Protein backbone atom coordinates (compact mmCIF):
# COMPACT_ATOMS: atom_id res chain seq x y z
CA MET A 1 -1.38 -2.89 8.50
CA ARG A 2 -1.81 -3.81 4.82
CA LEU A 3 -5.10 -1.98 4.67
CA ARG A 4 -3.42 1.14 6.08
CA LEU A 5 -0.66 0.80 3.48
CA ILE A 6 -3.23 0.56 0.68
CA GLN A 7 -5.08 3.59 2.06
CA ALA A 8 -1.85 5.61 2.21
CA LEU A 9 -0.93 4.62 -1.34
CA ALA A 10 -4.40 5.50 -2.60
CA GLY A 11 -4.04 8.84 -0.81
CA GLY A 12 -0.94 9.73 -2.80
CA ARG A 13 1.97 8.47 -0.74
CA THR A 14 4.09 6.41 -3.08
CA ALA A 15 7.54 6.23 -1.51
CA VAL A 16 8.50 3.90 1.32
CA THR A 17 10.12 6.88 3.03
CA GLU A 18 6.71 8.55 3.15
CA LEU A 19 5.06 5.39 4.49
CA VAL A 20 7.63 5.03 7.28
CA GLU A 21 6.58 8.46 8.58
CA LEU A 22 3.06 7.20 9.32
CA GLU A 23 2.48 6.12 12.91
CA GLY A 24 1.81 2.49 13.70
CA LEU A 25 3.07 0.94 10.47
CA GLY A 26 6.22 -0.50 11.98
CA THR A 27 9.79 -0.51 10.79
CA THR A 28 11.04 -0.07 7.25
CA GLY A 29 11.66 -3.82 7.06
CA GLN A 30 8.11 -4.62 8.14
CA ILE A 31 6.69 -2.18 5.61
CA TYR A 32 8.78 -3.69 2.80
CA HIS A 33 7.59 -7.16 3.84
CA HIS A 34 3.94 -6.15 3.54
CA LEU A 35 4.52 -4.26 0.29
CA ARG A 36 6.18 -7.35 -1.22
CA GLN A 37 3.25 -9.51 -0.14
CA LEU A 38 0.74 -7.07 -1.64
CA GLY A 39 2.83 -6.91 -4.82
CA SER A 40 3.00 -10.71 -5.08
CA ALA A 41 -0.78 -10.84 -4.81
CA GLY A 42 -1.09 -8.32 -7.64
CA TRP A 43 -2.46 -5.47 -5.53
CA LEU A 44 0.62 -3.26 -5.96
CA GLU A 45 3.34 -2.67 -8.52
CA THR A 46 6.69 -0.96 -8.24
CA THR A 47 7.31 2.26 -10.12
CA GLY A 48 10.94 2.59 -9.19
CA ARG A 49 13.27 1.96 -6.32
CA GLY A 50 11.25 2.26 -3.12
CA ARG A 51 8.11 3.48 -4.91
CA TYR A 52 4.81 1.67 -5.26
CA GLN A 53 1.42 2.27 -6.80
CA ILE A 54 -1.91 0.55 -7.10
CA PRO A 55 -2.34 -0.77 -10.65
CA PRO A 56 -5.25 1.02 -12.38
CA SER A 57 -7.03 -2.31 -12.99
CA ARG A 58 -7.03 -2.97 -9.22
CA LEU A 59 -8.16 0.43 -8.02
CA VAL A 60 -11.93 -0.16 -8.08
CA PRO A 61 -11.74 -3.58 -6.36
CA LEU A 62 -9.50 -2.07 -3.67
CA LEU A 63 -11.88 0.81 -3.11
CA VAL A 64 -14.68 -1.70 -2.57
CA VAL A 65 -12.57 -3.58 0.01
CA VAL A 66 -11.53 -0.39 1.80
CA THR A 67 -15.11 0.88 1.89
CA GLY A 68 -16.32 -2.45 3.27
CA ALA A 69 -13.60 -2.46 5.91
CA ARG A 70 -14.74 0.91 7.27
CA ARG A 71 -18.22 -0.39 8.18
């Protein structure tokens, strides 16, 4: 689920309302839980109420992880 969230954020979806529309990601509460966990680990940052982004310094490491996960 967290990998799918990261992929959606890297693809341009930044608002939780946009993430909720994706199939298989669960409820709004579940999505917020995972976003908070990713934020606590430093993989995401908030840009406003209900909006998230991948910090520029984390983009390349995340792309490596996502690419490795597809194999």
